[in-house]
PDB file of all heavy atoms in Angstrom:
ATOM      1  N   GLN A   1     -10.385  -4.575  -0.012  1.00  0.00           N
ATOM      2  CA  GLN A   1      -9.600  -3.369   0.247  1.00  0.00           C
ATOM      3  C   GLN A   1      -8.224  -3.468  -0.401  1.00  0.00           C
ATOM      4  O   GLN A   1      -7.737  -4.562  -0.733  1.00  0.00           O
ATOM      5  CB  GLN A   1      -9.434  -3.125   1.754  1.00  0.00           C
ATOM      6  CG  GLN A   1     -10.703  -2.660   2.475  1.00  0.00           C
ATOM      7  CD  GLN A   1     -10.380  -2.159   3.864  1.00  0.00           C
ATOM      8  OE1 GLN A   1      -9.946  -2.919   4.733  1.00  0.00           O
ATOM      9  NE2 GLN A   1     -10.593  -0.857   4.077  1.00  0.00           N
ATOM     10  N   VAL A   2      -7.620  -2.279  -0.536  1.00  0.00           N
ATOM     11  CA  VAL A   2      -6.234  -2.195  -0.984  1.00  0.00           C
ATOM     12  C   VAL A   2      -5.465  -1.362   0.039  1.00  0.00           C
ATOM     13  O   VAL A   2      -5.877  -0.261   0.402  1.00  0.00           O
ATOM     14  CB  VAL A   2      -6.113  -1.546  -2.377  1.00  0.00           C
ATOM     15  CG1 VAL A   2      -4.654  -1.285  -2.717  1.00  0.00           C
ATOM     16  CG2 VAL A   2      -6.740  -2.426  -3.440  1.00  0.00           C
ATOM     17  N   CYS A   3      -4.325  -1.929   0.524  1.00  0.00           N
ATOM     18  CA  CYS A   3      -3.475  -1.231   1.493  1.00  0.00           C
ATOM     19  C   CYS A   3      -2.157  -0.858   0.825  1.00  0.00           C
ATOM     20  O   CYS A   3      -1.545  -1.676   0.125  1.00  0.00           O
ATOM     21  CB  CYS A   3      -3.203  -2.097   2.715  1.00  0.00           C
ATOM     22  SG  CYS A   3      -4.691  -2.566   3.628  1.00  0.00           S
ATOM     23  N   SER A   4      -1.728   0.357   1.028  1.00  0.00           N
ATOM     24  CA  SER A   4      -0.457   0.829   0.480  1.00  0.00           C
ATOM     25  C   SER A   4       0.476   1.242   1.605  1.00  0.00           C
ATOM     26  O   SER A   4       0.038   1.715   2.665  1.00  0.00           O
ATOM     27  CB  SER A   4      -0.696   2.004  -0.474  1.00  0.00           C
ATOM     28  OG  SER A   4      -1.333   3.082   0.202  1.00  0.00           O
ATOM     29  N   VAL A   5       1.787   1.064   1.368  1.00  0.00           N
ATOM     30  CA  VAL A   5       2.802   1.311   2.396  1.00  0.00           C
ATOM     31  C   VAL A   5       3.551   2.599   2.080  1.00  0.00           C
ATOM     32  O   VAL A   5       3.967   2.831   0.939  1.00  0.00           O
ATOM     33  CB  VAL A   5       3.808   0.142   2.481  1.00  0.00           C
ATOM     34  CG1 VAL A   5       4.882   0.438   3.526  1.00  0.00           C
ATOM     35  CG2 VAL A   5       3.083  -1.160   2.810  1.00  0.00           C
ATOM     36  N   SER A   6       3.735   3.436   3.098  1.00  0.00           N
ATOM     37  CA  SER A   6       4.563   4.636   2.987  1.00  0.00           C
ATOM     38  C   SER A   6       5.706   4.557   3.996  1.00  0.00           C
ATOM     39  O   SER A   6       5.533   4.000   5.088  1.00  0.00           O
ATOM     40  CB  SER A   6       3.735   5.901   3.255  1.00  0.00           C
ATOM     41  OG  SER A   6       2.675   6.007   2.330  1.00  0.00           O
ATOM     42  N   ALA A   7       6.873   5.112   3.620  1.00  0.00           N
ATOM     43  CA  ALA A   7       8.074   5.097   4.478  1.00  0.00           C
ATOM     44  C   ALA A   7       8.441   3.674   4.865  1.00  0.00           C
ATOM     45  O   ALA A   7       8.929   3.419   5.975  1.00  0.00           O
ATOM     46  CB  ALA A   7       7.861   5.947   5.721  1.00  0.00           C
ATOM     47  N   GLY A   8       8.218   2.760   3.934  1.00  0.00           N
ATOM     48  CA  GLY A   8       8.456   1.347   4.235  1.00  0.00           C
ATOM     49  C   GLY A   8       9.858   0.870   3.954  1.00  0.00           C
ATOM     50  O   GLY A   8      10.193  -0.274   4.275  1.00  0.00           O
ATOM     51  N   ILE A   9      10.690   1.714   3.351  1.00  0.00           N
ATOM     52  CA  ILE A   9      12.055   1.306   3.005  1.00  0.00           C
ATOM     53  C   ILE A   9      13.044   2.254   3.671  1.00  0.00           C
ATOM     54  O   ILE A   9      12.877   3.478   3.637  1.00  0.00           O
ATOM     55  CB  ILE A   9      12.263   1.315   1.477  1.00  0.00           C
ATOM     56  CG1 ILE A   9      11.335   0.305   0.806  1.00  0.00           C
ATOM     57  CG2 ILE A   9      13.714   0.994   1.138  1.00  0.00           C
ATOM     58  CD1 ILE A   9      11.400   0.326  -0.708  1.00  0.00           C
ATOM     59  N   GLY A  10      14.069   1.688   4.297  1.00  0.00           N
ATOM     60  CA  GLY A  10      15.080   2.523   4.947  1.00  0.00           C
ATOM     61  C   GLY A  10      16.152   1.694   5.608  1.00  0.00           C
ATOM     62  O   GLY A  10      16.280   0.487   5.353  1.00  0.00           O
ATOM     63  N   THR A  11      16.926   2.339   6.468  1.00  0.00           N
ATOM     64  CA  THR A  11      18.024   1.688   7.183  1.00  0.00           C
ATOM     65  C   THR A  11      17.901   1.995   8.668  1.00  0.00           C
ATOM     66  O   THR A  11      17.670   3.156   9.053  1.00  0.00           O
ATOM     67  CB  THR A  11      19.389   2.195   6.674  1.00  0.00           C
ATOM     68  OG1 THR A  11      19.488   1.928   5.271  1.00  0.00           O
ATOM     69  CG2 THR A  11      20.539   1.494   7.401  1.00  0.00           C
ATOM     70  N   VAL A  12      18.055   0.989   9.504  1.00  0.00           N
ATOM     71  CA  VAL A  12      17.969   1.181  10.954  1.00  0.00           C
ATOM     72  C   VAL A  12      19.111   2.085  11.404  1.00  0.00           C
ATOM     73  O   VAL A  12      20.277   1.873  11.046  1.00  0.00           O
ATOM     74  CB  VAL A  12      18.046  -0.168  11.683  1.00  0.00           C
ATOM     75  CG1 VAL A  12      18.061   0.046  13.194  1.00  0.00           C
ATOM     76  CG2 VAL A  12      16.882  -1.048  11.279  1.00  0.00           C
ATOM     77  N   GLY A  13      18.766   3.091  12.196  1.00  0.00           N
ATOM     78  CA  GLY A  13      19.776   4.067  12.615  1.00  0.00           C
ATOM     79  C   GLY A  13      19.904   4.196  14.109  1.00  0.00           C
ATOM     80  O   GLY A  13      19.857   5.301  14.657  1.00  0.00           O
ATOM     81  N   GLY A  14      20.086   3.077  14.803  1.00  0.00           N
ATOM     82  CA  GLY A  14      20.352   3.126  16.235  1.00  0.00           C
ATOM     83  C   GLY A  14      19.124   3.249  17.103  1.00  0.00           C
ATOM     84  O   GLY A  14      19.240   3.535  18.304  1.00  0.00           O
ATOM     85  N   SER A  15      17.945   3.029  16.538  1.00  0.00           N
ATOM     86  CA  SER A  15      16.711   3.046  17.334  1.00  0.00           C
ATOM     87  C   SER A  15      15.637   2.260  16.599  1.00  0.00           C
ATOM     88  O   SER A  15      15.776   1.952  15.410  1.00  0.00           O
ATOM     89  CB  SER A  15      16.240   4.491  17.581  1.00  0.00           C
ATOM     90  OG  SER A  15      15.935   5.130  16.358  1.00  0.00           O
ATOM     91  N   ASP A  16      14.555   1.932  17.321  1.00  0.00           N
ATOM     92  CA  ASP A  16      13.449   1.217  16.697  1.00  0.00           C
ATOM     93  C   ASP A  16      12.821   2.069  15.592  1.00  0.00           C
ATOM     94  O   ASP A  16      12.729   3.303  15.705  1.00  0.00           O
ATOM     95  CB  ASP A  16      12.381   0.872  17.733  1.00  0.00           C
ATOM     96  CG  ASP A  16      12.873  -0.154  18.753  1.00  0.00           C
ATOM     97  OD1 ASP A  16      13.799  -0.908  18.424  1.00  0.00           O
ATOM     98  OD2 ASP A  16      12.322  -0.178  19.865  1.00  0.00           O
ATOM     99  N   VAL A  17      12.394   1.404  14.531  1.00  0.00           N
ATOM    100  CA  VAL A  17      11.687   2.073  13.437  1.00  0.00           C
ATOM    101  C   VAL A  17      10.193   2.041  13.751  1.00  0.00           C
ATOM    102  O   VAL A  17       9.606   0.963  13.924  1.00  0.00           O
ATOM    103  CB  VAL A  17      11.959   1.376  12.087  1.00  0.00           C
ATOM    104  CG1 VAL A  17      11.149   2.019  10.971  1.00  0.00           C
ATOM    105  CG2 VAL A  17      13.449   1.411  11.768  1.00  0.00           C
ATOM    106  N   THR A  18       9.561   3.207  13.835  1.00  0.00           N
ATOM    107  CA  THR A  18       8.151   3.269  14.227  1.00  0.00           C
ATOM    108  C   THR A  18       7.311   4.102  13.257  1.00  0.00           C
ATOM    109  O   THR A  18       6.127   4.344  13.529  1.00  0.00           O
ATOM    110  CB  THR A  18       8.021   3.888  15.634  1.00  0.00           C
ATOM    111  OG1 THR A  18       8.578   5.219  15.608  1.00  0.00           O
ATOM    112  CG2 THR A  18       8.753   3.054  16.671  1.00  0.00           C
ATOM    113  N   ASP A  19       7.896   4.540  12.128  1.00  0.00           N
ATOM    114  CA  ASP A  19       7.184   5.496  11.272  1.00  0.00           C
ATOM    115  C   ASP A  19       6.670   4.912   9.960  1.00  0.00           C
ATOM    116  O   ASP A  19       6.284   5.655   9.048  1.00  0.00           O
ATOM    117  CB  ASP A  19       8.081   6.690  10.976  1.00  0.00           C
ATOM    118  CG  ASP A  19       9.366   6.296  10.257  1.00  0.00           C
ATOM    119  OD1 ASP A  19       9.654   5.081  10.171  1.00  0.00           O
ATOM    120  OD2 ASP A  19      10.076   7.206   9.787  1.00  0.00           O
ATOM    121  N   VAL A  20       6.640   3.579   9.829  1.00  0.00           N
ATOM    122  CA  VAL A  20       6.053   2.969   8.629  1.00  0.00           C
ATOM    123  C   VAL A  20       4.538   3.131   8.706  1.00  0.00           C
ATOM    124  O   VAL A  20       3.925   2.848   9.739  1.00  0.00           O
ATOM    125  CB  VAL A  20       6.431   1.476   8.517  1.00  0.00           C
ATOM    126  CG1 VAL A  20       5.797   0.857   7.278  1.00  0.00           C
ATOM    127  CG2 VAL A  20       7.948   1.315   8.490  1.00  0.00           C
ATOM    128  N   THR A  21       3.926   3.580   7.616  1.00  0.00           N
ATOM    129  CA  THR A  21       2.466   3.744   7.608  1.00  0.00           C
ATOM    130  C   THR A  21       1.842   2.849   6.542  1.00  0.00           C
ATOM    131  O   THR A  21       2.356   2.743   5.426  1.00  0.00           O
ATOM    132  CB  THR A  21       2.067   5.207   7.335  1.00  0.00           C
ATOM    133  OG1 THR A  21       2.578   5.623   6.072  1.00  0.00           O
ATOM    134  CG2 THR A  21       2.614   6.117   8.420  1.00  0.00           C
ATOM    135  N   VAL A  22       0.739   2.214   6.921  1.00  0.00           N
ATOM    136  CA  VAL A  22      -0.021   1.363   6.005  1.00  0.00           C
ATOM    137  C   VAL A  22      -1.443   1.921   5.957  1.00  0.00           C
ATOM    138  O   VAL A  22      -2.164   1.893   6.960  1.00  0.00           O
ATOM    139  CB  VAL A  22      -0.026  -0.110   6.466  1.00  0.00           C
ATOM    140  CG1 VAL A  22      -0.836  -0.961   5.497  1.00  0.00           C
ATOM    141  CG2 VAL A  22       1.407  -0.636   6.594  1.00  0.00           C
ATOM    142  N   ASP A  23      -1.788   2.456   4.809  1.00  0.00           N
ATOM    143  CA  ASP A  23      -3.124   3.048   4.639  1.00  0.00           C
ATOM    144  C   ASP A  23      -3.989   2.114   3.794  1.00  0.00           C
ATOM    145  O   ASP A  23      -3.598   1.726   2.685  1.00  0.00           O
ATOM    146  CB  ASP A  23      -3.022   4.407   3.949  1.00  0.00           C
ATOM    147  CG  ASP A  23      -2.255   5.412   4.783  1.00  0.00           C
ATOM    148  OD1 ASP A  23      -2.561   5.533   5.983  1.00  0.00           O
ATOM    149  OD2 ASP A  23      -1.344   6.076   4.233  1.00  0.00           O
ATOM    150  N   CYS A  24      -5.166   1.770   4.311  1.00  0.00           N
ATOM    151  CA  CYS A  24      -6.079   0.855   3.613  1.00  0.00           C
ATOM    152  C   CYS A  24      -7.349   1.613   3.188  1.00  0.00           C
ATOM    153  O   CYS A  24      -7.816   2.518   3.886  1.00  0.00           O
ATOM    154  CB  CYS A  24      -6.471  -0.307   4.516  1.00  0.00           C
ATOM    155  SG  CYS A  24      -5.045  -1.285   5.077  1.00  0.00           S
ATOM    156  N   ALA A  25      -7.859   1.220   2.054  1.00  0.00           N
ATOM    157  CA  ALA A  25      -9.099   1.832   1.541  1.00  0.00           C
ATOM    158  C   ALA A  25      -9.905   0.768   0.820  1.00  0.00           C
ATOM    159  O   ALA A  25      -9.367  -0.242   0.353  1.00  0.00           O
ATOM    160  CB  ALA A  25      -8.762   2.987   0.596  1.00  0.00           C
ATOM    161  N   ASP A  26     -11.231   1.001   0.750  1.00  0.00           N
ATOM    162  CA  ASP A  26     -12.091   0.073   0.010  1.00  0.00           C
ATOM    163  C   ASP A  26     -11.635   0.030  -1.445  1.00  0.00           C
ATOM    164  O   ASP A  26     -11.205   1.041  -2.027  1.00  0.00           O
ATOM    165  CB  ASP A  26     -13.542   0.525   0.082  1.00  0.00           C
ATOM    166  CG  ASP A  26     -14.109   0.373   1.490  1.00  0.00           C
ATOM    167  OD1 ASP A  26     -13.517  -0.397   2.277  1.00  0.00           O
ATOM    168  OD2 ASP A  26     -15.106   1.053   1.785  1.00  0.00           O
ATOM    169  N   ALA A  27     -11.727  -1.143  -2.051  1.00  0.00           N
ATOM    170  CA  ALA A  27     -11.250  -1.325  -3.421  1.00  0.00           C
ATOM    171  C   ALA A  27     -12.340  -1.938  -4.279  1.00  0.00           C
ATOM    172  O   ALA A  27     -13.234  -2.650  -3.792  1.00  0.00           O
ATOM    173  CB  ALA A  27     -10.010  -2.214  -3.415  1.00  0.00           C
ATOM    174  N   TYR A  28     -12.239  -1.640  -5.570  1.00  0.00           N
ATOM    175  CA  TYR A  28     -13.230  -2.141  -6.503  1.00  0.00           C
ATOM    176  C   TYR A  28     -12.519  -2.684  -7.728  1.00  0.00           C
ATOM    177  O   TYR A  28     -11.447  -2.203  -8.117  1.00  0.00           O
ATOM    178  CB  TYR A  28     -14.199  -1.023  -6.890  1.00  0.00           C
ATOM    179  CG  TYR A  28     -14.926  -0.454  -5.698  1.00  0.00           C
ATOM    180  CD1 TYR A  28     -14.417   0.649  -5.034  1.00  0.00           C
ATOM    181  CD2 TYR A  28     -16.102  -1.049  -5.240  1.00  0.00           C
ATOM    182  CE1 TYR A  28     -15.064   1.162  -3.921  1.00  0.00           C
ATOM    183  CE2 TYR A  28     -16.761  -0.543  -4.133  1.00  0.00           C
ATOM    184  CZ  TYR A  28     -16.238   0.563  -3.468  1.00  0.00           C
ATOM    185  OH  TYR A  28     -16.883   1.049  -2.372  1.00  0.00           O
ATOM    186  N   THR A  29     -13.170  -3.679  -8.337  1.00  0.00           N
ATOM    187  CA  THR A  29     -12.575  -4.258  -9.534  1.00  0.00           C
ATOM    188  C   THR A  29     -12.878  -3.390 -10.750  1.00  0.00           C
ATOM    189  O   THR A  29     -13.861  -2.649 -10.784  1.00  0.00           O
ATOM    190  CB  THR A  29     -13.101  -5.677  -9.774  1.00  0.00           C
ATOM    191  OG1 THR A  29     -14.533  -5.625  -9.914  1.00  0.00           O
ATOM    192  CG2 THR A  29     -12.734  -6.596  -8.630  1.00  0.00           C
ATOM    193  N   ILE A  30     -11.989  -3.501 -11.716  1.00  0.00           N
ATOM    194  CA  ILE A  30     -12.133  -2.789 -12.982  1.00  0.00           C
ATOM    195  C   ILE A  30     -12.345  -3.820 -14.077  1.00  0.00           C
ATOM    196  O   ILE A  30     -11.583  -4.782 -14.192  1.00  0.00           O
ATOM    197  CB  ILE A  30     -10.871  -1.961 -13.285  1.00  0.00           C
ATOM    198  CG1 ILE A  30     -10.542  -1.030 -12.109  1.00  0.00           C
ATOM    199  CG2 ILE A  30     -11.044  -1.191 -14.589  1.00  0.00           C
ATOM    200  CD1 ILE A  30     -11.605  -0.008 -11.806  1.00  0.00           C
ATOM    201  N   GLY A  31     -13.390  -3.641 -14.879  1.00  0.00           N
ATOM    202  CA  GLY A  31     -13.653  -4.592 -15.941  1.00  0.00           C
ATOM    203  C   GLY A  31     -14.633  -4.046 -16.971  1.00  0.00           C
ATOM    204  O   GLY A  31     -14.960  -2.852 -16.972  1.00  0.00           O
ATOM    205  N   GLY A  32     -15.069  -4.917 -17.830  1.00  0.00           N
ATOM    206  CA  GLY A  32     -15.986  -4.494 -18.880  1.00  0.00           C
ATOM    207  C   GLY A  32     -16.284  -5.643 -19.825  1.00  0.00           C
ATOM    208  O   GLY A  32     -16.342  -6.812 -19.389  1.00  0.00           O
ATOM    209  N   THR A  33     -16.428  -5.328 -21.106  1.00  0.00           N
ATOM    210  CA  THR A  33     -16.805  -6.341 -22.086  1.00  0.00           C
ATOM    211  C   THR A  33     -15.967  -6.174 -23.354  1.00  0.00           C
ATOM    212  O   THR A  33     -15.688  -5.038 -23.786  1.00  0.00           O
ATOM    213  CB  THR A  33     -18.283  -6.209 -22.458  1.00  0.00           C
ATOM    214  OG1 THR A  33     -19.071  -6.291 -21.276  1.00  0.00           O
ATOM    215  CG2 THR A  33     -18.713  -7.308 -23.429  1.00  0.00           C
ATOM    216  N   VAL A  34     -15.568  -7.291 -23.948  1.00  0.00           N
ATOM    217  CA  VAL A  34     -14.864  -7.312 -25.235  1.00  0.00           C
ATOM    218  C   VAL A  34     -15.819  -7.861 -26.291  1.00  0.00           C
ATOM    219  O   VAL A  34     -16.502  -8.867 -26.057  1.00  0.00           O
ATOM    220  CB  VAL A  34     -13.590  -8.181 -25.149  1.00  0.00           C
ATOM    221  CG1 VAL A  34     -12.966  -8.331 -26.536  1.00  0.00           C
ATOM    222  CG2 VAL A  34     -12.596  -7.594 -24.169  1.00  0.00           C
ATOM    223  N   SER A  35     -15.785  -7.196 -27.434  1.00  0.00           N
ATOM    224  CA  SER A  35     -16.604  -7.707 -28.554  1.00  0.00           C
ATOM    225  C   SER A  35     -15.828  -7.555 -29.845  1.00  0.00           C
ATOM    226  O   SER A  35     -14.931  -6.709 -29.969  1.00  0.00           O
ATOM    227  CB  SER A  35     -17.933  -6.934 -28.648  1.00  0.00           C
ATOM    228  OG  SER A  35     -17.695  -5.562 -28.926  1.00  0.00           O
ATOM    229  N   GLY A  36     -16.183  -8.394 -30.835  1.00  0.00           N
ATOM    230  CA  GLY A  36     -15.571  -8.345 -32.144  1.00  0.00           C
ATOM    231  C   GLY A  36     -14.160  -8.898 -32.193  1.00  0.00           C
ATOM    232  O   GLY A  36     -13.427  -8.660 -33.161  1.00  0.00           O
TER     233      GLY A  36
END
């Protein structure tokens, strides 16, 4: 899988930070063949 972070950067503003989201999805490799 590959997980990506949203709203992961900011500054604490007098309360707990609770809005960071981490979304994960199935992942696949990318490849092929080289010739010549």
